[in-house]
Amino acid sequence: MKVLANDGISKSGIAALEKGGFEVITTKVAQEQVSAYMNANQIEILLVRSATKVRKELIDSCPNLKIIGRGGVGMDNIDVDYARSKGIHVINTPASSSESVAELVFAHLFTGVRFLQDANRNMPLEGDSNFDGLKKAYANGIELRGKTLGIIGFGRIGQATAKMALGLGMKVIAADKFVDNAQIKVDFYNGQFINVDIVTEPLEDVIKHADFITLHVPAQEGYVIGADEIATMKKNVGIINCSRGGVIDEVALIAALDEEKVLFAGLDVFENEPNPEIQILMHPKISLTPHIGAATLEAQDRIGTELAEQIISLMKSEKV
């Protein structure tokens, strides 16, 4: 049986699938040519990340398709319900990238509180001629320890973020429509650990009381954070979005940054991805990454292995 990993797959994932008797193809096929390529090569399993879209038209045009796998959490690039209505299995890897995304959240937080996004632009230009001026400009940094982190969306990634925040000495508050409470286990290198119970709160309370806010929600209709929500936040709040583009009103965010209501923002995802607005890309108070939350070697190994295990399990159960 052939597998097309159109957005790539780790070597460990390939090895696990080949050991299970599958032929893995990693050729990158253009979106408009995917269905023709799959039919010509009799491919029955399609693996994607966020780049390839698996919509109704592609599903209908690939009668041999049996499994669609998403390497990651969100499946908004797949017409999941329609695929399942056609008897196609749709799988993902919800636990594999949690730690990687959480670490990126803190990369953006540390960047924002110490002005690294701006310093890294200006030091190459002025470091030799205006060193003292830049030193003064970036002298008012903020420590994360002792501050309150508000987490919007308290699933696996939100809880992984909470674990890191607690380990750093931050207070954590969280909001989630579907999670009432969670016990966060904070592990240390020597085998010791502590458990911290966190009860979720109303969204408006988290927005109002947090020093920093990070979003971990799926794609949805409308903004989670818009002008009205920003208005209720603390002055000099920091906002991070490593979840999905379109959950923050970017126009309202830029206005709040310019008005010094928001101290900084960190964005890994964007409303107009993959063509972010130039006002976002050029803003000196925004730390930027190109949707790389799960893009660590460790996470990709876990994703590839987990996809392989699920596929092999499905085949063994003879449900495909």
C-alpha atoms as a PDB file:
ATOM      1  CA  MET A   1       0.000   0.000   0.000  1.00  0.00           C
ATOM      2  CA  LYS A   2       1.326   3.428  -0.954  1.00  0.00           C
ATOM      3  CA  VAL A   3       1.509   6.516   1.268  1.00  0.00           C
ATOM      4  CA  LEU A   4       1.956  10.041  -0.069  1.00  0.00           C
ATOM      5  CA  ALA A   5       3.482  12.309   2.589  1.00  0.00           C
ATOM      6  CA  ASN A   6       2.915  15.454   0.579  1.00  0.00           C
ATOM      7  CA  ASP A   7       4.122  17.911   3.225  1.00  0.00           C
ATOM      8  CA  GLY A   8       6.980  15.673   4.348  1.00  0.00           C
ATOM      9  CA  ILE A   9       7.458  13.161   7.154  1.00  0.00           C
ATOM     10  CA  SER A  10      10.354  12.389   9.497  1.00  0.00           C
ATOM     11  CA  LYS A  11      12.840   9.621   8.808  1.00  0.00           C
ATOM     12  CA  SER A  12      11.564   7.758  11.860  1.00  0.00           C
ATOM     13  CA  GLY A  13       8.022   7.894  10.449  1.00  0.00           C
ATOM     14  CA  ILE A  14       9.187   6.594   7.082  1.00  0.00           C
ATOM     15  CA  ALA A  15      11.136   3.783   8.734  1.00  0.00           C
ATOM     16  CA  ALA A  16       8.139   2.751  10.852  1.00  0.00           C
ATOM     17  CA  LEU A  17       5.812   2.720   7.839  1.00  0.00           C
ATOM     18  CA  GLU A  18       8.259   0.804   5.662  1.00  0.00           C
ATOM     19  CA  LYS A  19       8.748  -1.728   8.431  1.00  0.00           C
ATOM     20  CA  GLY A  20       4.965  -2.120   8.438  1.00  0.00           C
ATOM     21  CA  GLY A  21       4.999  -2.925   4.740  1.00  0.00           C
ATOM     22  CA  PHE A  22       4.045   0.469   3.284  1.00  0.00           C
ATOM     23  CA  GLU A  23       5.714   2.305   0.408  1.00  0.00           C
ATOM     24  CA  VAL A  24       6.266   5.950   1.370  1.00  0.00           C
ATOM     25  CA  ILE A  25       6.426   8.676  -1.290  1.00  0.00           C
ATOM     26  CA  THR A  26       7.702  12.081  -0.202  1.00  0.00           C
ATOM     27  CA  THR A  27       7.472  13.839  -3.574  1.00  0.00           C
ATOM     28  CA  LYS A  28       6.015  17.325  -3.070  1.00  0.00           C
ATOM     29  CA  VAL A  29       3.027  17.542  -5.413  1.00  0.00           C
ATOM     30  CA  ALA A  30       1.415  20.897  -6.199  1.00  0.00           C
ATOM     31  CA  GLN A  31      -2.045  21.329  -4.687  1.00  0.00           C
ATOM     32  CA  GLU A  32      -3.830  21.309  -8.056  1.00  0.00           C
ATOM     33  CA  GLN A  33      -2.062  18.100  -9.105  1.00  0.00           C
ATOM     34  CA  VAL A  34      -2.498  16.018  -5.942  1.00  0.00           C
ATOM     35  CA  SER A  35      -5.579  14.075  -7.019  1.00  0.00           C
ATOM     36  CA  ALA A  36      -4.170  13.221 -10.463  1.00  0.00           C
ATOM     37  CA  TYR A  37      -0.872  12.108  -8.924  1.00  0.00           C
ATOM     38  CA  MET A  38      -2.610   9.953  -6.329  1.00  0.00           C
ATOM     39  CA  ASN A  39      -4.818   8.245  -8.898  1.00  0.00           C
ATOM     40  CA  ALA A  40      -1.942   7.668 -11.333  1.00  0.00           C
ATOM     41  CA  ASN A  41       0.149   6.082  -8.588  1.00  0.00           C
ATOM     42  CA  GLN A  42      -2.700   4.205  -6.837  1.00  0.00           C
ATOM     43  CA  ILE A  43      -2.087   5.965  -3.523  1.00  0.00           C
ATOM     44  CA  GLU A  44      -4.511   5.081  -0.726  1.00  0.00           C
ATOM     45  CA  ILE A  45      -3.075   7.083   2.199  1.00  0.00           C
ATOM     46  CA  LEU A  46      -2.454  10.835   2.142  1.00  0.00           C
ATOM     47  CA  LEU A  47      -0.431  12.531   4.891  1.00  0.00           C
ATOM     48  CA  VAL A  48      -0.359  16.328   5.168  1.00  0.00           C
ATOM     49  CA  ARG A  49       0.614  19.100   7.557  1.00  0.00           C
ATOM     50  CA  SER A  50      -0.874  22.551   7.099  1.00  0.00           C
ATOM     51  CA  ALA A  51       0.159  23.320   3.507  1.00  0.00           C
ATOM     52  CA  THR A  52      -1.863  20.755   1.547  1.00  0.00           C
ATOM     53  CA  LYS A  53      -5.643  21.221   1.581  1.00  0.00           C
ATOM     54  CA  VAL A  54      -7.843  18.119   1.501  1.00  0.00           C
ATOM     55  CA  ARG A  55     -11.230  19.440   0.468  1.00  0.00           C
ATOM     56  CA  LYS A  56     -14.390  17.766  -0.833  1.00  0.00           C
ATOM     57  CA  GLU A  57     -13.252  18.050  -4.453  1.00  0.00           C
ATOM     58  CA  LEU A  58     -10.002  16.218  -3.819  1.00  0.00           C
ATOM     59  CA  ILE A  59     -11.749  13.561  -1.739  1.00  0.00           C
ATOM     60  CA  ASP A  60     -14.333  12.942  -4.467  1.00  0.00           C
ATOM     61  CA  SER A  61     -11.666  12.712  -7.145  1.00  0.00           C
ATOM     62  CA  CYS A  62      -9.645  10.049  -5.259  1.00  0.00           C
ATOM     63  CA  PRO A  63     -11.858   6.942  -4.983  1.00  0.00           C
ATOM     64  CA  ASN A  64      -8.974   4.814  -3.656  1.00  0.00           C
ATOM     65  CA  LEU A  65      -8.313   7.115  -0.690  1.00  0.00           C
ATOM     66  CA  LYS A  66      -8.658   5.260   2.611  1.00  0.00           C
ATOM     67  CA  ILE A  67      -6.775   7.308   5.216  1.00  0.00           C
ATOM     68  CA  ILE A  68      -6.024  11.024   5.573  1.00  0.00           C
ATOM     69  CA  GLY A  69      -3.421  11.845   8.204  1.00  0.00           C
ATOM     70  CA  ARG A  70      -2.651  15.304   9.564  1.00  0.00           C
ATOM     71  CA  GLY A  71       0.773  15.753  11.133  1.00  0.00           C
ATOM     72  CA  GLY A  72      -0.231  18.103  13.939  1.00  0.00           C
ATOM     73  CA  VAL A  73      -3.275  19.160  15.913  1.00  0.00           C
ATOM     74  CA  GLY A  74      -5.670  21.351  13.943  1.00  0.00           C
ATOM     75  CA  MET A  75      -7.456  19.817  10.960  1.00  0.00           C
ATOM     76  CA  ASP A  76      -9.029  22.941   9.462  1.00  0.00           C
ATOM     77  CA  ASN A  77      -7.250  22.217   6.151  1.00  0.00           C
ATOM     78  CA  ILE A  78      -9.229  18.955   5.843  1.00  0.00           C
ATOM     79  CA  ASP A  79     -12.965  18.482   5.264  1.00  0.00           C
ATOM     80  CA  VAL A  80     -13.037  15.983   8.108  1.00  0.00           C
ATOM     81  CA  ASP A  81     -16.766  15.310   8.400  1.00  0.00           C
ATOM     82  CA  TYR A  82     -17.168  14.866   4.669  1.00  0.00           C
ATOM     83  CA  ALA A  83     -14.210  12.491   4.466  1.00  0.00           C
ATOM     84  CA  ARG A  84     -15.561  10.385   7.305  1.00  0.00           C
ATOM     85  CA  SER A  85     -19.001  10.326   5.689  1.00  0.00           C
ATOM     86  CA  LYS A  86     -17.318   8.668   2.706  1.00  0.00           C
ATOM     87  CA  GLY A  87     -15.817   5.988   4.932  1.00  0.00           C
ATOM     88  CA  ILE A  88     -12.338   7.527   4.980  1.00  0.00           C
ATOM     89  CA  HIS A  89     -10.391   7.498   8.239  1.00  0.00           C
ATOM     90  CA  VAL A  90      -9.035  10.887   9.319  1.00  0.00           C
ATOM     91  CA  ILE A  91      -6.288  10.883  11.932  1.00  0.00           C
ATOM     92  CA  ASN A  92      -4.015  13.479  13.531  1.00  0.00           C
ATOM     93  CA  THR A  93      -1.311  13.726  16.197  1.00  0.00           C
ATOM     94  CA  PRO A  94      -2.707  15.954  18.960  1.00  0.00           C
ATOM     95  CA  ALA A  95      -0.040  15.242  21.577  1.00  0.00           C
ATOM     96  CA  SER A  96       3.158  15.210  19.524  1.00  0.00           C
ATOM     97  CA  SER A  97       3.830  18.928  19.113  1.00  0.00           C
ATOM     98  CA  SER A  98       2.588  20.343  22.431  1.00  0.00           C
ATOM     99  CA  GLU A  99       6.023  20.882  23.973  1.00  0.00           C
ATOM    100  CA  SER A 100       7.444  22.422  20.817  1.00  0.00           C
ATOM    101  CA  VAL A 101       4.637  24.959  20.490  1.00  0.00           C
ATOM    102  CA  ALA A 102       4.856  25.816  24.188  1.00  0.00           C
ATOM    103  CA  GLU A 103       8.583  26.473  23.872  1.00  0.00           C
ATOM    104  CA  LEU A 104       7.950  28.791  20.913  1.00  0.00           C
ATOM    105  CA  VAL A 105       5.434  30.719  23.031  1.00  0.00           C
ATOM    106  CA  PHE A 106       8.196  31.388  25.535  1.00  0.00           C
ATOM    107  CA  ALA A 107      10.660  32.257  22.785  1.00  0.00           C
ATOM    108  CA  HIS A 108       8.243  35.031  21.794  1.00  0.00           C
ATOM    109  CA  LEU A 109       7.643  36.041  25.405  1.00  0.00           C
ATOM    110  CA  PHE A 110      11.342  36.361  26.191  1.00  0.00           C
ATOM    111  CA  THR A 111      11.856  38.195  22.910  1.00  0.00           C
ATOM    112  CA  GLY A 112       9.098  40.681  23.681  1.00  0.00           C
ATOM    113  CA  VAL A 113      10.008  41.510  27.269  1.00  0.00           C
ATOM    114  CA  ARG A 114      13.662  42.151  26.292  1.00  0.00           C
ATOM    115  CA  PHE A 115      12.961  43.887  22.923  1.00  0.00           C
ATOM    116  CA  LEU A 116      14.952  41.280  20.994  1.00  0.00           C
ATOM    117  CA  GLN A 117      12.819  41.572  17.849  1.00  0.00           C
ATOM    118  CA  ASP A 118      13.849  45.238  17.541  1.00  0.00           C
ATOM    119  CA  ALA A 119      17.388  44.866  18.862  1.00  0.00           C
ATOM    120  CA  ASN A 120      18.122  42.142  16.329  1.00  0.00           C
ATOM    121  CA  ARG A 121      17.081  44.512  13.548  1.00  0.00           C
ATOM    122  CA  ASN A 122      18.949  47.560  14.798  1.00  0.00           C
ATOM    123  CA  MET A 123      22.194  46.117  16.182  1.00  0.00           C
ATOM    124  CA  PRO A 124      23.522  45.166  12.707  1.00  0.00           C
ATOM    125  CA  LEU A 125      22.655  48.675  11.488  1.00  0.00           C
ATOM    126  CA  GLU A 126      23.669  50.803  14.456  1.00  0.00           C
ATOM    127  CA  GLY A 127      25.573  48.590  16.879  1.00  0.00           C
ATOM    128  CA  ASP A 128      28.938  50.068  15.952  1.00  0.00           C
ATOM    129  CA  SER A 129      27.786  53.693  15.750  1.00  0.00           C
ATOM    130  CA  ASN A 130      25.034  53.997  18.360  1.00  0.00           C
ATOM    131  CA  PHE A 131      25.802  51.306  20.921  1.00  0.00           C
ATOM    132  CA  ASP A 132      25.052  53.500  23.950  1.00  0.00           C
ATOM    133  CA  GLY A 133      21.842  54.767  22.376  1.00  0.00           C
ATOM    134  CA  LEU A 134      20.569  51.248  21.737  1.00  0.00           C
ATOM    135  CA  LYS A 135      21.627  50.178  25.213  1.00  0.00           C
ATOM    136  CA  LYS A 136      19.467  52.957  26.642  1.00  0.00           C
ATOM    137  CA  ALA A 137      16.564  52.168  24.303  1.00  0.00           C
ATOM    138  CA  TYR A 138      16.406  48.544  25.435  1.00  0.00           C
ATOM    139  CA  ALA A 139      17.184  49.121  29.109  1.00  0.00           C
ATOM    140  CA  ASN A 140      13.659  48.761  30.500  1.00  0.00           C
ATOM    141  CA  GLY A 141      13.176  45.035  30.194  1.00  0.00           C
ATOM    142  CA  ILE A 142      10.629  43.035  32.199  1.00  0.00           C
ATOM    143  CA  GLU A 143      11.046  39.742  34.042  1.00  0.00           C
ATOM    144  CA  LEU A 144       8.483  36.986  33.468  1.00  0.00           C
ATOM    145  CA  ARG A 145       8.895  35.501  36.918  1.00  0.00           C
ATOM    146  CA  GLY A 146       6.083  36.585  39.228  1.00  0.00           C
ATOM    147  CA  LYS A 147       3.867  37.795  36.386  1.00  0.00           C
ATOM    148  CA  THR A 148       0.454  36.364  35.423  1.00  0.00           C
ATOM    149  CA  LEU A 149       0.127  34.392  32.202  1.00  0.00           C
ATOM    150  CA  GLY A 150      -3.389  34.126  30.792  1.00  0.00           C
ATOM    151  CA  ILE A 151      -3.906  31.056  28.611  1.00  0.00           C
ATOM    152  CA  ILE A 152      -6.899  31.065  26.273  1.00  0.00           C
ATOM    153  CA  GLY A 153      -7.544  27.464  25.258  1.00  0.00           C
ATOM    154  CA  PHE A 154      -6.479  24.927  27.866  1.00  0.00           C
ATOM    155  CA  GLY A 155      -6.058  21.746  25.880  1.00  0.00           C
ATOM    156  CA  ARG A 156      -2.799  19.844  25.463  1.00  0.00           C
ATOM    157  CA  ILE A 157      -0.778  22.794  24.169  1.00  0.00           C
ATOM    158  CA  GLY A 158      -2.274  25.236  26.654  1.00  0.00           C
ATOM    159  CA  GLN A 159      -1.433  22.878  29.499  1.00  0.00           C
ATOM    160  CA  ALA A 160       2.116  22.341  28.195  1.00  0.00           C
ATOM    161  CA  THR A 161       2.495  26.123  28.157  1.00  0.00           C
ATOM    162  CA  ALA A 162       1.168  26.303  31.721  1.00  0.00           C
ATOM    163  CA  LYS A 163       3.765  23.750  32.824  1.00  0.00           C
ATOM    164  CA  MET A 164       6.605  25.894  31.510  1.00  0.00           C
ATOM    165  CA  ALA A 165       5.115  29.042  33.023  1.00  0.00           C
ATOM    166  CA  LEU A 166       4.826  27.423  36.434  1.00  0.00           C
ATOM    167  CA  GLY A 167       8.394  26.174  36.233  1.00  0.00           C
ATOM    168  CA  LEU A 168       9.475  29.735  35.536  1.00  0.00           C
ATOM    169  CA  GLY A 169       7.661  31.051  38.587  1.00  0.00           C
ATOM    170  CA  MET A 170       4.666  32.611  36.846  1.00  0.00           C
ATOM    171  CA  LYS A 171       1.059  32.593  38.003  1.00  0.00           C
ATOM    172  CA  VAL A 172      -1.209  30.864  35.484  1.00  0.00           C
ATOM    173  CA  ILE A 173      -4.869  31.611  34.787  1.00  0.00           C
ATOM    174  CA  ALA A 174      -6.784  29.978  31.960  1.00  0.00           C
ATOM    175  CA  ALA A 175     -10.049  30.045  30.029  1.00  0.00           C
ATOM    176  CA  ASP A 176     -11.606  27.202  28.044  1.00  0.00           C
ATOM    177  CA  LYS A 177     -15.195  26.429  27.074  1.00  0.00           C
ATOM    178  CA  PHE A 178     -14.643  22.691  27.353  1.00  0.00           C
ATOM    179  CA  VAL A 179     -12.097  22.284  30.184  1.00  0.00           C
ATOM    180  CA  ASP A 180     -13.204  23.035  33.745  1.00  0.00           C
ATOM    181  CA  ASN A 181      -9.929  22.235  35.483  1.00  0.00           C
ATOM    182  CA  ALA A 182      -6.637  20.476  34.985  1.00  0.00           C
ATOM    183  CA  GLN A 183      -3.823  19.134  37.112  1.00  0.00           C
ATOM    184  CA  ILE A 184      -0.501  20.320  35.723  1.00  0.00           C
ATOM    185  CA  LYS A 185       2.468  18.113  36.516  1.00  0.00           C
ATOM    186  CA  VAL A 186       5.711  20.097  36.501  1.00  0.00           C
ATOM    187  CA  ASP A 187       8.613  17.662  36.045  1.00  0.00           C
ATOM    188  CA  PHE A 188      12.213  18.390  36.962  1.00  0.00           C
ATOM    189  CA  TYR A 189      15.405  16.882  35.551  1.00  0.00           C
ATOM    190  CA  ASN A 190      16.090  14.731  38.631  1.00  0.00           C
ATOM    191  CA  GLY A 191      12.734  12.931  38.682  1.00  0.00           C
ATOM    192  CA  GLN A 192      11.080  15.226  41.191  1.00  0.00           C
ATOM    193  CA  PHE A 193       7.819  16.941  40.323  1.00  0.00           C
ATOM    194  CA  ILE A 194       4.976  19.039  41.679  1.00  0.00           C
ATOM    195  CA  ASN A 195       1.288  18.980  40.781  1.00  0.00           C
ATOM    196  CA  VAL A 196      -0.618  22.250  40.420  1.00  0.00           C
ATOM    197  CA  ASP A 197      -4.402  22.326  40.094  1.00  0.00           C
ATOM    198  CA  ILE A 198      -5.756  25.053  37.807  1.00  0.00           C
ATOM    199  CA  VAL A 199      -9.459  25.845  37.555  1.00  0.00           C
ATOM    200  CA  THR A 200     -10.431  27.681  34.392  1.00  0.00           C
ATOM    201  CA  GLU A 201     -12.117  31.074  34.580  1.00  0.00           C
ATOM    202  CA  PRO A 202     -14.404  33.131  32.322  1.00  0.00           C
ATOM    203  CA  LEU A 203     -12.606  34.510  29.282  1.00  0.00           C
ATOM    204  CA  GLU A 204     -13.281  38.104  30.265  1.00  0.00           C
ATOM    205  CA  ASP A 205     -11.595  37.588  33.650  1.00  0.00           C
ATOM    206  CA  VAL A 206      -8.474  36.088  32.109  1.00  0.00           C
ATOM    207  CA  ILE A 207      -8.231  38.924  29.591  1.00  0.00           C
ATOM    208  CA  LYS A 208      -8.666  41.518  32.334  1.00  0.00           C
ATOM    209  CA  HIS A 209      -6.131  40.182  34.842  1.00  0.00           C
ATOM    210  CA  ALA A 210      -3.288  38.709  32.762  1.00  0.00           C
ATOM    211  CA  ASP A 211       0.052  40.454  32.271  1.00  0.00           C
ATOM    212  CA  PHE A 212       0.642  38.304  29.191  1.00  0.00           C
ATOM    213  CA  ILE A 213      -1.896  36.415  27.074  1.00  0.00           C
ATOM    214  CA  THR A 214      -1.300  33.405  24.844  1.00  0.00           C
ATOM    215  CA  LEU A 215      -3.901  31.813  22.581  1.00  0.00           C
ATOM    216  CA  HIS A 216      -4.263  28.078  21.944  1.00  0.00           C
ATOM    217  CA  VAL A 217      -7.589  27.759  20.173  1.00  0.00           C
ATOM    218  CA  PRO A 218      -8.724  26.164  16.893  1.00  0.00           C
ATOM    219  CA  ALA A 219      -9.723  28.139  13.810  1.00  0.00           C
ATOM    220  CA  GLN A 220     -13.180  29.605  14.236  1.00  0.00           C
ATOM    221  CA  GLU A 221     -15.643  32.198  13.021  1.00  0.00           C
ATOM    222  CA  GLY A 222     -14.876  35.659  14.335  1.00  0.00           C
ATOM    223  CA  TYR A 223     -12.099  36.980  16.528  1.00  0.00           C
ATOM    224  CA  VAL A 224     -11.289  35.785  20.020  1.00  0.00           C
ATOM    225  CA  ILE A 225      -9.283  38.966  20.608  1.00  0.00           C
ATOM    226  CA  GLY A 226     -10.561  42.187  19.039  1.00  0.00           C
ATOM    227  CA  ALA A 227     -10.673  45.861  19.916  1.00  0.00           C
ATOM    228  CA  ASP A 228     -13.252  45.357  22.693  1.00  0.00           C
ATOM    229  CA  GLU A 229     -11.195  42.651  24.381  1.00  0.00           C
ATOM    230  CA  ILE A 230      -7.972  44.654  24.093  1.00  0.00           C
ATOM    231  CA  ALA A 231      -9.703  47.621  25.723  1.00  0.00           C
ATOM    232  CA  THR A 232     -10.262  45.593  28.913  1.00  0.00           C
ATOM    233  CA  MET A 233      -6.674  44.345  29.133  1.00  0.00           C
ATOM    234  CA  LYS A 234      -3.966  45.734  31.383  1.00  0.00           C
ATOM    235  CA  LYS A 235      -1.766  48.456  29.942  1.00  0.00           C
ATOM    236  CA  ASN A 236       1.510  47.050  28.598  1.00  0.00           C
ATOM    237  CA  VAL A 237       0.087  43.560  28.132  1.00  0.00           C
ATOM    238  CA  GLY A 238       1.924  41.161  25.828  1.00  0.00           C
ATOM    239  CA  ILE A 239      -0.054  38.993  23.396  1.00  0.00           C
ATOM    240  CA  ILE A 240       1.173  35.755  21.784  1.00  0.00           C
ATOM    241  CA  ASN A 241      -0.567  33.736  19.075  1.00  0.00           C
ATOM    242  CA  CYS A 242       0.932  30.383  18.089  1.00  0.00           C
ATOM    243  CA  SER A 243      -2.421  28.726  17.370  1.00  0.00           C
ATOM    244  CA  ARG A 244      -4.312  29.803  14.242  1.00  0.00           C
ATOM    245  CA  GLY A 245      -4.416  32.933  12.127  1.00  0.00           C
ATOM    246  CA  GLY A 246      -7.654  34.880  12.270  1.00  0.00           C
ATOM    247  CA  VAL A 247      -8.317  34.573  15.994  1.00  0.00           C
ATOM    248  CA  ILE A 248      -6.764  38.009  16.636  1.00  0.00           C
ATOM    249  CA  ASP A 249      -7.950  41.160  14.872  1.00  0.00           C
ATOM    250  CA  GLU A 250      -4.620  42.316  13.454  1.00  0.00           C
ATOM    251  CA  VAL A 251      -5.886  45.832  12.683  1.00  0.00           C
ATOM    252  CA  ALA A 252      -6.941  46.266  16.318  1.00  0.00           C
ATOM    253  CA  LEU A 253      -3.644  44.759  17.473  1.00  0.00           C
ATOM    254  CA  ILE A 254      -1.541  47.219  15.462  1.00  0.00           C
ATOM    255  CA  ALA A 255      -3.628  50.128  16.749  1.00  0.00           C
ATOM    256  CA  ALA A 256      -3.125  48.959  20.340  1.00  0.00           C
ATOM    257  CA  LEU A 257       0.631  48.604  19.806  1.00  0.00           C
ATOM    258  CA  ASP A 258       0.835  52.096  18.322  1.00  0.00           C
ATOM    259  CA  GLU A 259      -1.219  53.535  21.186  1.00  0.00           C
ATOM    260  CA  GLU A 260       1.053  51.763  23.705  1.00  0.00           C
ATOM    261  CA  LYS A 261      -1.839  49.815  25.194  1.00  0.00           C
ATOM    262  CA  VAL A 262      -0.107  46.561  24.165  1.00  0.00           C
ATOM    263  CA  LEU A 263       3.620  46.378  24.903  1.00  0.00           C
ATOM    264  CA  PHE A 264       4.453  43.742  22.312  1.00  0.00           C
ATOM    265  CA  ALA A 265       3.029  40.839  20.340  1.00  0.00           C
ATOM    266  CA  GLY A 266       4.461  37.521  19.191  1.00  0.00           C
ATOM    267  CA  LEU A 267       2.905  35.944  16.098  1.00  0.00           C
ATOM    268  CA  ASP A 268       3.586  32.566  14.530  1.00  0.00           C
ATOM    269  CA  VAL A 269       0.331  32.593  12.526  1.00  0.00           C
ATOM    270  CA  PHE A 270      -1.442  35.274  10.536  1.00  0.00           C
ATOM    271  CA  GLU A 271      -4.825  36.272   9.137  1.00  0.00           C
ATOM    272  CA  ASN A 272      -3.561  36.320   5.533  1.00  0.00           C
ATOM    273  CA  GLU A 273      -1.141  33.422   5.762  1.00  0.00           C
ATOM    274  CA  PRO A 274       0.995  32.752   3.781  1.00  0.00           C
ATOM    275  CA  ASN A 275       1.022  36.453   2.834  1.00  0.00           C
ATOM    276  CA  PRO A 276       1.015  38.407   6.117  1.00  0.00           C
ATOM    277  CA  GLU A 277       0.211  42.106   5.951  1.00  0.00           C
ATOM    278  CA  ILE A 278       3.256  44.352   5.551  1.00  0.00           C
ATOM    279  CA  GLN A 279       2.151  46.398   8.591  1.00  0.00           C
ATOM    280  CA  ILE A 280       2.536  43.265  10.691  1.00  0.00           C
ATOM    281  CA  LEU A 281       5.865  42.234   9.177  1.00  0.00           C
ATOM    282  CA  MET A 282       7.456  45.659   9.630  1.00  0.00           C
ATOM    283  CA  HIS A 283       6.145  46.541  13.086  1.00  0.00           C
ATOM    284  CA  PRO A 284       9.003  47.002  15.584  1.00  0.00           C
ATOM    285  CA  LYS A 285       6.944  45.666  18.502  1.00  0.00           C
ATOM    286  CA  ILE A 286       5.999  42.331  16.910  1.00  0.00           C
ATOM    287  CA  SER A 287       8.135  39.199  17.191  1.00  0.00           C
ATOM    288  CA  LEU A 288       7.597  37.081  14.062  1.00  0.00           C
ATOM    289  CA  THR A 289       7.976  33.445  13.040  1.00  0.00           C
ATOM    290  CA  PRO A 290       6.571  31.733   9.901  1.00  0.00           C
ATOM    291  CA  HIS A 291       4.193  29.130  11.411  1.00  0.00           C
ATOM    292  CA  ILE A 292       6.916  26.931  12.927  1.00  0.00           C
ATOM    293  CA  GLY A 293       5.241  25.933  16.199  1.00  0.00           C
ATOM    294  CA  ALA A 294       5.677  22.202  15.608  1.00  0.00           C
ATOM    295  CA  ALA A 295       8.830  22.531  13.537  1.00  0.00           C
ATOM    296  CA  THR A 296      11.385  20.916  15.820  1.00  0.00           C
ATOM    297  CA  LEU A 297      13.272  17.742  15.039  1.00  0.00           C
ATOM    298  CA  GLU A 298      11.894  16.094  18.168  1.00  0.00           C
ATOM    299  CA  ALA A 299       8.277  17.002  17.406  1.00  0.00           C
ATOM    300  CA  GLN A 300       8.554  15.867  13.785  1.00  0.00           C
ATOM    301  CA  ASP A 301       9.974  12.540  14.942  1.00  0.00           C
ATOM    302  CA  ARG A 302       7.056  12.097  17.330  1.00  0.00           C
ATOM    303  CA  ILE A 303       4.540  13.134  14.656  1.00  0.00           C
ATOM    304  CA  GLY A 304       5.916  10.744  12.048  1.00  0.00           C
ATOM    305  CA  THR A 305       6.066   7.836  14.474  1.00  0.00           C
ATOM    306  CA  GLU A 306       2.565   8.484  15.828  1.00  0.00           C
ATOM    307  CA  LEU A 307       1.074   8.686  12.334  1.00  0.00           C
ATOM    308  CA  ALA A 308       2.779   5.427  11.396  1.00  0.00           C
ATOM    309  CA  GLU A 309       1.522   3.681  14.521  1.00  0.00           C
ATOM    310  CA  GLN A 310      -2.058   4.811  13.881  1.00  0.00           C
ATOM    311  CA  ILE A 311      -1.974   3.741  10.239  1.00  0.00           C
ATOM    312  CA  ILE A 312      -0.536   0.323  11.062  1.00  0.00           C
ATOM    313  CA  SER A 313      -3.102  -0.132  13.824  1.00  0.00           C
ATOM    314  CA  LEU A 314      -5.970   0.734  11.479  1.00  0.00           C
ATOM    315  CA  MET A 315      -4.774  -1.734   8.914  1.00  0.00           C
ATOM    316  CA  LYS A 316      -4.347  -4.503  11.465  1.00  0.00           C
ATOM    317  CA  SER A 317      -7.858  -3.943  12.758  1.00  0.00           C
ATOM    318  CA  GLU A 318      -9.132  -4.433   9.189  1.00  0.00           C
ATOM    319  CA  LYS A 319     -11.314  -1.350   9.455  1.00  0.00           C
ATOM    320  CA  VAL A 320      -9.864   0.157   6.327  1.00  0.00           C
END
